[in-house]
PDB file of N, CA and C in Angstrom:
ATOM      1  N   MET A   1     -48.902  13.772  -1.593  1.00  0.00           N
ATOM      2  CA  MET A   1     -47.387  14.352  -1.895  1.00  0.00           C
ATOM      3  C   MET A   1     -46.793  14.684  -0.697  1.00  0.00           C
ATOM      4  N   ASN A   2     -47.622  15.256   0.263  1.00  0.00           N
ATOM      5  CA  ASN A   2     -46.980  15.686   1.542  1.00  0.00           C
ATOM      6  C   ASN A   2     -46.478  14.597   2.423  1.00  0.00           C
ATOM      7  N   LYS A   3     -47.319  13.481   2.364  1.00  0.00           N
ATOM      8  CA  LYS A   3     -46.778  12.272   3.002  1.00  0.00           C
ATOM      9  C   LYS A   3     -45.501  11.649   2.509  1.00  0.00           C
ATOM     10  N   LEU A   4     -45.457  11.787   1.058  1.00  0.00           N
ATOM     11  CA  LEU A   4     -44.092  11.292   0.613  1.00  0.00           C
ATOM     12  C   LEU A   4     -42.874  12.214   1.034  1.00  0.00           C
ATOM     13  N   LYS A   5     -43.036  13.641   0.996  1.00  0.00           N
ATOM     14  CA  LYS A   5     -42.141  14.429   1.447  1.00  0.00           C
ATOM     15  C   LYS A   5     -41.767  14.144   2.963  1.00  0.00           C
ATOM     16  N   LEU A   6     -42.745  13.950   3.774  1.00  0.00           N
ATOM     17  CA  LEU A   6     -42.479  13.727   5.260  1.00  0.00           C
ATOM     18  C   LEU A   6     -41.800  12.224   5.368  1.00  0.00           C
ATOM     19  N   PHE A   7     -41.931  11.407   4.539  1.00  0.00           N
ATOM     20  CA  PHE A   7     -41.434  10.023   4.533  1.00  0.00           C
ATOM     21  C   PHE A   7     -39.793  10.297   4.342  1.00  0.00           C
ATOM     22  N   VAL A   8     -39.752  10.853   3.181  1.00  0.00           N
ATOM     23  CA  VAL A   8     -38.274  11.110   2.598  1.00  0.00           C
ATOM     24  C   VAL A   8     -37.484  11.899   3.703  1.00  0.00           C
ATOM     25  N   ALA A   9     -38.045  12.902   4.266  1.00  0.00           N
ATOM     26  CA  ALA A   9     -37.358  13.698   5.279  1.00  0.00           C
ATOM     27  C   ALA A   9     -37.077  12.739   6.516  1.00  0.00           C
ATOM     28  N   LEU A  10     -37.860  12.014   6.960  1.00  0.00           N
ATOM     29  CA  LEU A  10     -37.708  11.060   8.020  1.00  0.00           C
ATOM     30  C   LEU A  10     -36.614  10.119   7.802  1.00  0.00           C
ATOM     31  N   MET A  11     -36.653   9.506   6.632  1.00  0.00           N
ATOM     32  CA  MET A  11     -35.535   8.541   6.208  1.00  0.00           C
ATOM     33  C   MET A  11     -34.269   9.269   6.116  1.00  0.00           C
ATOM     34  N   LEU A  12     -34.088  10.349   5.623  1.00  0.00           N
ATOM     35  CA  LEU A  12     -32.813  11.281   5.488  1.00  0.00           C
ATOM     36  C   LEU A  12     -32.390  11.534   7.018  1.00  0.00           C
ATOM     37  N   THR A  13     -33.169  11.847   7.758  1.00  0.00           N
ATOM     38  CA  THR A  13     -32.837  12.013   9.324  1.00  0.00           C
ATOM     39  C   THR A  13     -32.251  10.840   9.756  1.00  0.00           C
ATOM     40  N   MET A  14     -32.972   9.806   9.631  1.00  0.00           N
ATOM     41  CA  MET A  14     -32.426   8.476  10.295  1.00  0.00           C
ATOM     42  C   MET A  14     -31.003   8.026   9.751  1.00  0.00           C
ATOM     43  N   LEU A  15     -31.036   8.176   8.455  1.00  0.00           N
ATOM     44  CA  LEU A  15     -29.649   7.732   7.574  1.00  0.00           C
ATOM     45  C   LEU A  15     -28.575   8.771   8.189  1.00  0.00           C
ATOM     46  N   PHE A  16     -28.705   9.947   8.267  1.00  0.00           N
ATOM     47  CA  PHE A  16     -27.618  10.834   8.881  1.00  0.00           C
ATOM     48  C   PHE A  16     -27.381  10.667  10.270  1.00  0.00           C
ATOM     49  N   SER A  17     -28.305  10.334  11.095  1.00  0.00           N
ATOM     50  CA  SER A  17     -28.100  10.122  12.580  1.00  0.00           C
ATOM     51  C   SER A  17     -27.341   8.844  12.748  1.00  0.00           C
ATOM     52  N   MET A  18     -27.734   7.823  11.907  1.00  0.00           N
ATOM     53  CA  MET A  18     -27.212   6.524  11.958  1.00  0.00           C
ATOM     54  C   MET A  18     -25.699   6.539  11.567  1.00  0.00           C
ATOM     55  N   ASN A  19     -25.383   7.336  10.548  1.00  0.00           N
ATOM     56  CA  ASN A  19     -23.871   7.546  10.072  1.00  0.00           C
ATOM     57  C   ASN A  19     -23.112   8.162  11.249  1.00  0.00           C
ATOM     58  N   SER A  20     -23.526   9.259  11.693  1.00  0.00           N
ATOM     59  CA  SER A  20     -22.813   9.788  12.835  1.00  0.00           C
ATOM     60  C   SER A  20     -22.498   8.988  14.036  1.00  0.00           C
ATOM     61  N   ASN A  21     -23.491   8.033  14.422  1.00  0.00           N
ATOM     62  CA  ASN A  21     -23.212   7.244  15.672  1.00  0.00           C
ATOM     63  C   ASN A  21     -22.634   5.885  15.246  1.00  0.00           C
ATOM     64  N   ALA A  22     -22.570   5.545  14.006  1.00  0.00           N
ATOM     65  CA  ALA A  22     -22.016   4.243  13.491  1.00  0.00           C
ATOM     66  C   ALA A  22     -20.477   4.177  13.371  1.00  0.00           C
ATOM     67  N   ILE A  23     -19.804   5.222  13.545  1.00  0.00           N
ATOM     68  CA  ILE A  23     -18.318   5.226  13.317  1.00  0.00           C
ATOM     69  C   ILE A  23     -17.818   4.356  14.341  1.00  0.00           C
ATOM     70  N   GLU A  24     -16.721   3.592  13.841  1.00  0.00           N
ATOM     71  CA  GLU A  24     -15.945   2.647  14.802  1.00  0.00           C
ATOM     72  C   GLU A  24     -14.966   3.668  15.361  1.00  0.00           C
ATOM     73  N   GLN A  25     -14.780   3.098  16.802  1.00  0.00           N
ATOM     74  CA  GLN A  25     -13.747   3.929  17.515  1.00  0.00           C
ATOM     75  C   GLN A  25     -13.162   2.881  18.395  1.00  0.00           C
ATOM     76  N   ARG A  26     -11.707   2.968  18.599  1.00  0.00           N
ATOM     77  CA  ARG A  26     -11.027   2.061  19.468  1.00  0.00           C
ATOM     78  C   ARG A  26     -11.569   2.227  20.993  1.00  0.00           C
ATOM     79  N   GLU A  27     -11.709   1.137  21.534  1.00  0.00           N
ATOM     80  CA  GLU A  27     -12.211   1.175  22.923  1.00  0.00           C
ATOM     81  C   GLU A  27     -11.428   2.093  23.911  1.00  0.00           C
ATOM     82  N   ALA A  28     -10.090   2.053  23.837  1.00  0.00           N
ATOM     83  CA  ALA A  28      -9.237   2.869  24.750  1.00  0.00           C
ATOM     84  C   ALA A  28      -9.613   4.254  24.439  1.00  0.00           C
ATOM     85  N   HIS A  29      -9.647   4.589  23.099  1.00  0.00           N
ATOM     86  CA  HIS A  29     -10.123   6.007  22.858  1.00  0.00           C
ATOM     87  C   HIS A  29     -11.418   6.458  23.180  1.00  0.00           C
ATOM     88  N   LYS A  30     -12.416   5.434  23.149  1.00  0.00           N
ATOM     89  CA  LYS A  30     -13.716   5.891  23.629  1.00  0.00           C
ATOM     90  C   LYS A  30     -13.654   6.315  25.264  1.00  0.00           C
ATOM     91  N   GLN A  31     -12.924   5.523  25.871  1.00  0.00           N
ATOM     92  CA  GLN A  31     -12.723   5.867  27.424  1.00  0.00           C
ATOM     93  C   GLN A  31     -11.984   7.185  27.595  1.00  0.00           C
ATOM     94  N   ALA A  32     -10.907   7.405  26.774  1.00  0.00           N
ATOM     95  CA  ALA A  32     -10.182   8.689  27.038  1.00  0.00           C
ATOM     96  C   ALA A  32     -10.738   9.988  26.391  1.00  0.00           C
ATOM     97  N   ILE A  33     -11.439   9.732  25.190  1.00  0.00           N
ATOM     98  CA  ILE A  33     -11.824  10.833  24.531  1.00  0.00           C
ATOM     99  C   ILE A  33     -13.358  11.032  24.637  1.00  0.00           C
ATOM    100  N   GLY A  34     -14.035   9.784  24.654  1.00  0.00           N
ATOM    101  CA  GLY A  34     -15.625  10.095  24.545  1.00  0.00           C
ATOM    102  C   GLY A  34     -15.962  10.167  23.108  1.00  0.00           C
ATOM    103  N   LYS A  35     -16.996  11.064  22.847  1.00  0.00           N
ATOM    104  CA  LYS A  35     -17.492  11.269  21.553  1.00  0.00           C
ATOM    105  C   LYS A  35     -17.068  12.489  21.011  1.00  0.00           C
ATOM    106  N   ASP A  36     -16.207  13.236  21.517  1.00  0.00           N
ATOM    107  CA  ASP A  36     -15.698  14.506  20.993  1.00  0.00           C
ATOM    108  C   ASP A  36     -14.683  14.408  19.895  1.00  0.00           C
ATOM    109  N   CYS A  37     -15.064  14.278  18.792  1.00  0.00           N
ATOM    110  CA  CYS A  37     -14.294  13.928  17.606  1.00  0.00           C
ATOM    111  C   CYS A  37     -13.149  15.079  17.398  1.00  0.00           C
ATOM    112  N   LYS A  38     -13.445  16.281  17.783  1.00  0.00           N
ATOM    113  CA  LYS A  38     -12.496  17.429  17.597  1.00  0.00           C
ATOM    114  C   LYS A  38     -11.337  17.278  18.475  1.00  0.00           C
ATOM    115  N   VAL A  39     -11.288  16.310  19.511  1.00  0.00           N
ATOM    116  CA  VAL A  39     -10.159  16.267  20.334  1.00  0.00           C
ATOM    117  C   VAL A  39      -8.985  15.806  19.543  1.00  0.00           C
ATOM    118  N   CYS A  40      -9.256  14.879  18.535  1.00  0.00           N
ATOM    119  CA  CYS A  40      -8.263  14.213  17.685  1.00  0.00           C
ATOM    120  C   CYS A  40      -8.077  14.982  16.391  1.00  0.00           C
ATOM    121  N   HIS A  41      -9.428  15.215  15.798  1.00  0.00           N
ATOM    122  CA  HIS A  41      -9.312  15.907  14.624  1.00  0.00           C
ATOM    123  C   HIS A  41      -9.038  17.371  14.529  1.00  0.00           C
ATOM    124  N   ASP A  42      -7.734  17.724  14.717  1.00  0.00           N
ATOM    125  CA  ASP A  42      -7.201  19.034  14.947  1.00  0.00           C
ATOM    126  C   ASP A  42      -7.012  19.843  13.599  1.00  0.00           C
ATOM    127  N   GLN A  43      -7.299  18.990  12.587  1.00  0.00           N
ATOM    128  CA  GLN A  43      -6.918  19.678  11.347  1.00  0.00           C
ATOM    129  C   GLN A  43      -8.324  19.781  10.516  1.00  0.00           C
ATOM    130  N   GLY A  44      -9.400  19.536  11.287  1.00  0.00           N
ATOM    131  CA  GLY A  44     -10.697  19.677  10.614  1.00  0.00           C
ATOM    132  C   GLY A  44     -11.346  18.175  10.633  1.00  0.00           C
ATOM    133  N   MET A  45     -12.562  17.924  10.557  1.00  0.00           N
ATOM    134  CA  MET A  45     -13.294  16.703  10.610  1.00  0.00           C
ATOM    135  C   MET A  45     -12.939  15.720   9.331  1.00  0.00           C
ATOM    136  N   LYS A  46     -12.677  16.496   8.313  1.00  0.00           N
ATOM    137  CA  LYS A  46     -12.392  15.639   7.013  1.00  0.00           C
ATOM    138  C   LYS A  46     -10.877  15.293   6.829  1.00  0.00           C
ATOM    139  N   GLN A  47     -10.114  15.582   7.812  1.00  0.00           N
ATOM    140  CA  GLN A  47      -8.633  15.254   7.659  1.00  0.00           C
ATOM    141  C   GLN A  47      -8.236  14.368   8.994  1.00  0.00           C
ATOM    142  N   PRO A  48      -7.342  13.586   8.619  1.00  0.00           N
ATOM    143  CA  PRO A  48      -6.956  12.709   9.771  1.00  0.00           C
ATOM    144  C   PRO A  48      -6.123  13.576  10.817  1.00  0.00           C
ATOM    145  N   PRO A  49      -6.182  13.060  12.064  1.00  0.00           N
ATOM    146  CA  PRO A  49      -5.429  13.809  13.141  1.00  0.00           C
ATOM    147  C   PRO A  49      -3.871  13.928  12.782  1.00  0.00           C
ATOM    148  N   SER A  50      -3.390  14.980  13.317  1.00  0.00           N
ATOM    149  CA  SER A  50      -2.006  15.222  13.101  1.00  0.00           C
ATOM    150  C   SER A  50      -1.274  14.358  14.021  1.00  0.00           C
ATOM    151  N   ASP A  51       0.269  14.107  13.693  1.00  0.00           N
ATOM    152  CA  ASP A  51       1.023  13.461  14.682  1.00  0.00           C
ATOM    153  C   ASP A  51       0.917  14.120  16.090  1.00  0.00           C
ATOM    154  N   THR A  52       1.072  15.466  16.075  1.00  0.00           N
ATOM    155  CA  THR A  52       1.044  16.230  17.142  1.00  0.00           C
ATOM    156  C   THR A  52      -0.123  15.783  18.181  1.00  0.00           C
ATOM    157  N   THR A  53      -1.319  15.608  17.619  1.00  0.00           N
ATOM    158  CA  THR A  53      -2.464  15.199  18.269  1.00  0.00           C
ATOM    159  C   THR A  53      -2.095  13.737  19.004  1.00  0.00           C
ATOM    160  N   CYS A  54      -1.748  12.759  18.071  1.00  0.00           N
ATOM    161  CA  CYS A  54      -1.498  11.476  18.648  1.00  0.00           C
ATOM    162  C   CYS A  54      -0.416  11.425  19.809  1.00  0.00           C
ATOM    163  N   LEU A  55       0.557  12.391  19.687  1.00  0.00           N
ATOM    164  CA  LEU A  55       1.682  12.310  20.614  1.00  0.00           C
ATOM    165  C   LEU A  55       1.409  13.055  21.760  1.00  0.00           C
ATOM    166  N   LYS A  56       0.156  13.628  21.860  1.00  0.00           N
ATOM    167  CA  LYS A  56      -0.194  14.218  23.151  1.00  0.00           C
ATOM    168  C   LYS A  56      -0.441  13.119  24.157  1.00  0.00           C
ATOM    169  N   CYS A  57      -0.979  12.036  23.705  1.00  0.00           N
ATOM    170  CA  CYS A  57      -1.310  10.888  24.521  1.00  0.00           C
ATOM    171  C   CYS A  57      -0.216   9.715  24.518  1.00  0.00           C
ATOM    172  N   HIS A  58       0.256   9.439  23.292  1.00  0.00           N
ATOM    173  CA  HIS A  58       1.245   8.408  23.004  1.00  0.00           C
ATOM    174  C   HIS A  58       2.651   9.026  22.900  1.00  0.00           C
ATOM    175  N   ASN A  59       3.402   8.671  23.894  1.00  0.00           N
ATOM    176  CA  ASN A  59       4.940   8.996  23.930  1.00  0.00           C
ATOM    177  C   ASN A  59       5.741   8.224  23.034  1.00  0.00           C
ATOM    178  N   ILE A  60       6.458   8.833  22.076  1.00  0.00           N
ATOM    179  CA  ILE A  60       7.049   8.095  20.964  1.00  0.00           C
ATOM    180  C   ILE A  60       8.237   7.131  21.605  1.00  0.00           C
ATOM    181  N   ASP A  61       8.866   7.606  22.712  1.00  0.00           N
ATOM    182  CA  ASP A  61      10.071   6.840  23.150  1.00  0.00           C
ATOM    183  C   ASP A  61       9.418   5.646  24.032  1.00  0.00           C
ATOM    184  N   ASP A  62       8.152   5.712  24.610  1.00  0.00           N
ATOM    185  CA  ASP A  62       7.604   4.595  25.073  1.00  0.00           C
ATOM    186  C   ASP A  62       7.042   3.613  24.057  1.00  0.00           C
ATOM    187  N   LEU A  63       6.668   4.050  22.868  1.00  0.00           N
ATOM    188  CA  LEU A  63       6.299   3.159  21.751  1.00  0.00           C
ATOM    189  C   LEU A  63       7.538   2.500  21.197  1.00  0.00           C
ATOM    190  N   VAL A  64       8.584   3.182  20.988  1.00  0.00           N
ATOM    191  CA  VAL A  64       9.764   2.609  20.686  1.00  0.00           C
ATOM    192  C   VAL A  64      10.245   1.412  21.458  1.00  0.00           C
ATOM    193  N   LYS A  65      10.086   1.537  22.804  1.00  0.00           N
ATOM    194  CA  LYS A  65      10.399   0.592  23.814  1.00  0.00           C
ATOM    195  C   LYS A  65       9.471  -0.591  23.600  1.00  0.00           C
ATOM    196  N   LYS A  66       8.221  -0.301  23.496  1.00  0.00           N
ATOM    197  CA  LYS A  66       7.113  -1.337  23.563  1.00  0.00           C
ATOM    198  C   LYS A  66       7.274  -2.218  22.155  1.00  0.00           C
ATOM    199  N   SER A  67       7.808  -1.548  21.184  1.00  0.00           N
ATOM    200  CA  SER A  67       7.926  -2.375  19.856  1.00  0.00           C
ATOM    201  C   SER A  67       9.314  -2.646  19.452  1.00  0.00           C
ATOM    202  N   LYS A  68      10.270  -2.611  20.508  1.00  0.00           N
ATOM    203  CA  LYS A  68      11.458  -3.112  20.296  1.00  0.00           C
ATOM    204  C   LYS A  68      11.726  -4.440  19.859  1.00  0.00           C
ATOM    205  N   ARG A  69      12.749  -4.563  18.910  1.00  0.00           N
ATOM    206  CA  ARG A  69      12.922  -5.920  18.446  1.00  0.00           C
ATOM    207  C   ARG A  69      14.217  -6.503  18.819  1.00  0.00           C
ATOM    208  N   SER A  70      14.492  -7.651  18.699  1.00  0.00           N
ATOM    209  CA  SER A  70      15.824  -8.499  19.089  1.00  0.00           C
ATOM    210  C   SER A  70      17.071  -7.610  18.276  1.00  0.00           C
ATOM    211  N   ASP A  71      18.261  -7.865  18.822  1.00  0.00           N
ATOM    212  CA  ASP A  71      19.414  -7.050  18.285  1.00  0.00           C
ATOM    213  C   ASP A  71      19.532  -7.201  16.859  1.00  0.00           C
ATOM    214  N   GLU A  72      19.346  -8.469  16.195  1.00  0.00           N
ATOM    215  CA  GLU A  72      19.537  -8.468  14.745  1.00  0.00           C
ATOM    216  C   GLU A  72      18.530  -7.953  13.896  1.00  0.00           C
ATOM    217  N   ASP A  73      17.295  -7.786  14.586  1.00  0.00           N
ATOM    218  CA  ASP A  73      16.134  -7.171  13.985  1.00  0.00           C
ATOM    219  C   ASP A  73      15.859  -5.754  14.392  1.00  0.00           C
ATOM    220  N   LYS A  74      16.811  -5.102  15.105  1.00  0.00           N
ATOM    221  CA  LYS A  74      16.574  -3.797  15.818  1.00  0.00           C
ATOM    222  C   LYS A  74      15.910  -2.718  14.855  1.00  0.00           C
ATOM    223  N   TRP A  75      16.418  -2.767  13.546  1.00  0.00           N
ATOM    224  CA  TRP A  75      15.818  -1.662  12.783  1.00  0.00           C
ATOM    225  C   TRP A  75      14.451  -2.062  12.041  1.00  0.00           C
ATOM    226  N   GLN A  76      13.909  -3.122  12.550  1.00  0.00           N
ATOM    227  CA  GLN A  76      12.512  -3.383  12.151  1.00  0.00           C
ATOM    228  C   GLN A  76      11.415  -2.941  13.158  1.00  0.00           C
ATOM    229  N   ASN A  77      11.934  -2.091  14.138  1.00  0.00           N
ATOM    230  CA  ASN A  77      10.902  -1.448  14.990  1.00  0.00           C
ATOM    231  C   ASN A  77      10.093  -0.580  14.223  1.00  0.00           C
ATOM    232  N   PRO A  78       8.812  -0.674  14.145  1.00  0.00           N
ATOM    233  CA  PRO A  78       8.004   0.287  13.376  1.00  0.00           C
ATOM    234  C   PRO A  78       8.037   1.797  13.861  1.00  0.00           C
ATOM    235  N   HIS A  79       8.351   2.030  15.179  1.00  0.00           N
ATOM    236  CA  HIS A  79       8.427   3.266  15.734  1.00  0.00           C
ATOM    237  C   HIS A  79       9.858   3.900  15.782  1.00  0.00           C
ATOM    238  N   ASN A  80      10.839   3.106  15.316  1.00  0.00           N
ATOM    239  CA  ASN A  80      12.107   3.631  15.172  1.00  0.00           C
ATOM    240  C   ASN A  80      12.918   2.713  14.194  1.00  0.00           C
ATOM    241  N   ASN A  81      12.726   3.119  12.881  1.00  0.00           N
ATOM    242  CA  ASN A  81      13.276   2.051  11.891  1.00  0.00           C
ATOM    243  C   ASN A  81      14.317   2.733  10.954  1.00  0.00           C
ATOM    244  N   LEU A  82      14.990   1.881  10.309  1.00  0.00           N
ATOM    245  CA  LEU A  82      16.059   2.242   9.333  1.00  0.00           C
ATOM    246  C   LEU A  82      15.645   3.345   8.390  1.00  0.00           C
ATOM    247  N   HIS A  83      14.478   3.396   7.897  1.00  0.00           N
ATOM    248  CA  HIS A  83      13.998   4.291   6.836  1.00  0.00           C
ATOM    249  C   HIS A  83      13.673   5.785   7.408  1.00  0.00           C
ATOM    250  N   TYR A  84      12.776   5.537   8.448  1.00  0.00           N
ATOM    251  CA  TYR A  84      12.213   6.860   8.965  1.00  0.00           C
ATOM    252  C   TYR A  84      12.745   7.209  10.334  1.00  0.00           C
ATOM    253  N   GLY A  85      13.334   6.441  11.008  1.00  0.00           N
ATOM    254  CA  GLY A  85      13.582   6.765  12.311  1.00  0.00           C
ATOM    255  C   GLY A  85      12.556   6.835  13.229  1.00  0.00           C
ATOM    256  N   LYS A  86      12.180   7.817  13.968  1.00  0.00           N
ATOM    257  CA  LYS A  86      10.965   7.949  14.762  1.00  0.00           C
ATOM    258  C   LYS A  86       9.990   8.875  13.973  1.00  0.00           C
ATOM    259  N   ASP A  87      10.320   9.282  12.588  1.00  0.00           N
ATOM    260  CA  ASP A  87       9.392  10.192  12.111  1.00  0.00           C
ATOM    261  C   ASP A  87       8.521   9.918  11.134  1.00  0.00           C
ATOM    262  N   LEU A  88       8.041   8.554  10.914  1.00  0.00           N
ATOM    263  CA  LEU A  88       7.018   8.053  10.110  1.00  0.00           C
ATOM    264  C   LEU A  88       5.741   8.436  10.733  1.00  0.00           C
ATOM    265  N   PRO A  89       5.027   9.095   9.762  1.00  0.00           N
ATOM    266  CA  PRO A  89       3.620   9.637  10.367  1.00  0.00           C
ATOM    267  C   PRO A  89       2.590   8.440  10.838  1.00  0.00           C
ATOM    268  N   CYS A  90       1.929   8.758  11.898  1.00  0.00           N
ATOM    269  CA  CYS A  90       1.228   7.628  12.719  1.00  0.00           C
ATOM    270  C   CYS A  90       0.147   7.121  11.712  1.00  0.00           C
ATOM    271  N   ILE A  91      -0.368   7.970  10.818  1.00  0.00           N
ATOM    272  CA  ILE A  91      -1.499   7.599  10.150  1.00  0.00           C
ATOM    273  C   ILE A  91      -1.139   6.626   8.918  1.00  0.00           C
ATOM    274  N   GLU A  92       0.249   6.573   8.701  1.00  0.00           N
ATOM    275  CA  GLU A  92       0.625   5.514   7.653  1.00  0.00           C
ATOM    276  C   GLU A  92       0.379   4.180   8.070  1.00  0.00           C
ATOM    277  N   CYS A  93       0.478   3.803   9.297  1.00  0.00           N
ATOM    278  CA  CYS A  93       0.139   2.502   9.717  1.00  0.00           C
ATOM    279  C   CYS A  93      -1.112   2.268  10.636  1.00  0.00           C
ATOM    280  N   HIS A  94      -1.540   3.375  11.297  1.00  0.00           N
ATOM    281  CA  HIS A  94      -2.676   3.260  12.186  1.00  0.00           C
ATOM    282  C   HIS A  94      -3.854   4.122  11.660  1.00  0.00           C
ATOM    283  N   GLY A  95      -4.995   3.483  11.922  1.00  0.00           N
ATOM    284  CA  GLY A  95      -6.260   4.144  11.567  1.00  0.00           C
ATOM    285  C   GLY A  95      -7.357   3.995  12.626  1.00  0.00           C
ATOM    286  N   GLU A  96      -8.003   4.890  13.150  1.00  0.00           N
ATOM    287  CA  GLU A  96      -8.918   4.909  14.119  1.00  0.00           C
ATOM    288  C   GLU A  96     -10.226   4.171  13.659  1.00  0.00           C
ATOM    289  N   HIS A  97     -10.739   4.549  12.437  1.00  0.00           N
ATOM    290  CA  HIS A  97     -11.847   4.030  11.972  1.00  0.00           C
ATOM    291  C   HIS A  97     -11.895   2.850  11.004  1.00  0.00           C
ATOM    292  N   VAL A  98     -10.763   2.730  10.367  1.00  0.00           N
ATOM    293  CA  VAL A  98     -10.477   1.739   9.387  1.00  0.00           C
ATOM    294  C   VAL A  98      -9.208   1.131   9.728  1.00  0.00           C
ATOM    295  N   LYS A  99      -9.070  -0.081   9.916  1.00  0.00           N
ATOM    296  CA  LYS A  99      -7.917  -0.877  10.337  1.00  0.00           C
ATOM    297  C   LYS A  99      -6.890  -0.808   9.247  1.00  0.00           C
ATOM    298  N   LYS A 100      -5.656  -0.695   9.361  1.00  0.00           N
ATOM    299  CA  LYS A 100      -4.547  -0.515   8.345  1.00  0.00           C
ATOM    300  C   LYS A 100      -3.590  -1.640   8.533  1.00  0.00           C
ATOM    301  N   GLN A 101      -2.790  -1.806   7.534  1.00  0.00           N
ATOM    302  CA  GLN A 101      -1.644  -2.579   7.652  1.00  0.00           C
ATOM    303  C   GLN A 101      -0.525  -1.808   7.782  1.00  0.00           C
ATOM    304  N   PRO A 102       0.684  -2.350   8.479  1.00  0.00           N
ATOM    305  CA  PRO A 102       1.865  -1.650   8.702  1.00  0.00           C
ATOM    306  C   PRO A 102       2.498  -1.191   7.269  1.00  0.00           C
ATOM    307  N   LEU A 103       2.971  -0.028   7.193  1.00  0.00           N
ATOM    308  CA  LEU A 103       3.546   0.448   5.803  1.00  0.00           C
ATOM    309  C   LEU A 103       4.660  -0.500   5.396  1.00  0.00           C
ATOM    310  N   CYS A 104       5.413  -1.048   6.348  1.00  0.00           N
ATOM    311  CA  CYS A 104       6.553  -2.012   6.078  1.00  0.00           C
ATOM    312  C   CYS A 104       6.279  -3.209   5.162  1.00  0.00           C
ATOM    313  N   LYS A 105       4.992  -3.578   5.346  1.00  0.00           N
ATOM    314  CA  LYS A 105       4.440  -4.783   4.622  1.00  0.00           C
ATOM    315  C   LYS A 105       4.333  -4.550   3.057  1.00  0.00           C
ATOM    316  N   ASN A 106       4.385  -3.270   2.681  1.00  0.00           N
ATOM    317  CA  ASN A 106       4.578  -3.029   1.153  1.00  0.00           C
ATOM    318  C   ASN A 106       5.776  -3.587   0.651  1.00  0.00           C
ATOM    319  N   CYS A 107       6.864  -3.714   1.393  1.00  0.00           N
ATOM    320  CA  CYS A 107       8.194  -4.246   0.966  1.00  0.00           C
ATOM    321  C   CYS A 107       8.676  -5.459   1.679  1.00  0.00           C
ATOM    322  N   HIS A 108       8.441  -5.415   2.794  1.00  0.00           N
ATOM    323  CA  HIS A 108       9.090  -6.393   3.804  1.00  0.00           C
ATOM    324  C   HIS A 108       8.103  -7.623   4.200  1.00  0.00           C
ATOM    325  N   THR A 109       8.634  -8.737   4.589  1.00  0.00           N
ATOM    326  CA  THR A 109       7.843  -9.773   5.065  1.00  0.00           C
ATOM    327  C   THR A 109       7.853 -10.199   6.601  1.00  0.00           C
ATOM    328  N   PHE A 110       8.523  -9.216   7.338  1.00  0.00           N
ATOM    329  CA  PHE A 110       8.540  -9.570   8.800  1.00  0.00           C
ATOM    330  C   PHE A 110       7.301  -9.165   9.399  1.00  0.00           C
ATOM    331  N   LYS A 111       7.018  -9.926  10.528  1.00  0.00           N
ATOM    332  CA  LYS A 111       5.811  -9.851  11.192  1.00  0.00           C
ATOM    333  C   LYS A 111       5.801  -8.921  12.360  1.00  0.00           C
ATOM    334  N   PHE A 112       4.517  -8.232  12.663  1.00  0.00           N
ATOM    335  CA  PHE A 112       4.249  -7.509  13.871  1.00  0.00           C
ATOM    336  C   PHE A 112       3.221  -8.173  14.379  1.00  0.00           C
ATOM    337  N   ASP A 113       3.454  -9.077  15.270  1.00  0.00           N
ATOM    338  CA  ASP A 113       2.341  -9.881  15.949  1.00  0.00           C
ATOM    339  C   ASP A 113       1.388  -9.232  16.901  1.00  0.00           C
ATOM    340  N   LYS A 114       1.893  -8.093  17.431  1.00  0.00           N
ATOM    341  CA  LYS A 114       1.045  -7.347  18.291  1.00  0.00           C
ATOM    342  C   LYS A 114       0.571  -6.060  17.707  1.00  0.00           C
ATOM    343  N   PHE A 115       0.407  -5.959  16.362  1.00  0.00           N
ATOM    344  CA  PHE A 115       0.051  -4.872  15.641  1.00  0.00           C
ATOM    345  C   PHE A 115      -1.385  -4.520  15.646  1.00  0.00           C
ATOM    346  N   PRO A 116      -1.834  -3.565  16.396  1.00  0.00           N
ATOM    347  CA  PRO A 116      -3.340  -3.233  16.615  1.00  0.00           C
ATOM    348  C   PRO A 116      -4.129  -2.681  15.363  1.00  0.00           C
ATOM    349  N   GLY A 117      -3.463  -2.198  14.392  1.00  0.00           N
ATOM    350  CA  GLY A 117      -4.032  -1.713  13.127  1.00  0.00           C
ATOM    351  C   GLY A 117      -4.164  -0.265  13.052  1.00  0.00           C
TER     352      GLY A 117
END
C-alpha cells in the first residue's frame, strides 16, 4: 500500500510540474518578461491581464499606425475602428496562451493578414 501511495504522489507531482512548465508563451514576451507570470497577470493568476498591463509595453498609437488600412478601409483598423475606437479590450482579440481570432470576424469578412492571434 505504501508503494502505491508513493507512486500516486510522484505521478501527481510530475503532472503539476509539467502543467506549470507547459504553458505556451509568445517568444517576444518570453524575452521581455521571462517566467514571472505576475508581471502581466495584474488581476490575479486566474484572470487575464488588464489593458493597463498590455499598454505598459504596447503603445496604442503605435499599434494604430502599424495596423492602419487604406483610405476607403480606414475604419477597419482593429486598433482604431468605427465600433470601439481605441477602446476595444486587448483580450477580445489577443491571447497569450491560446490563439484567438479577431472579434471583427464575428460579423465582417475583411482580412487581417498580419494578425498574430
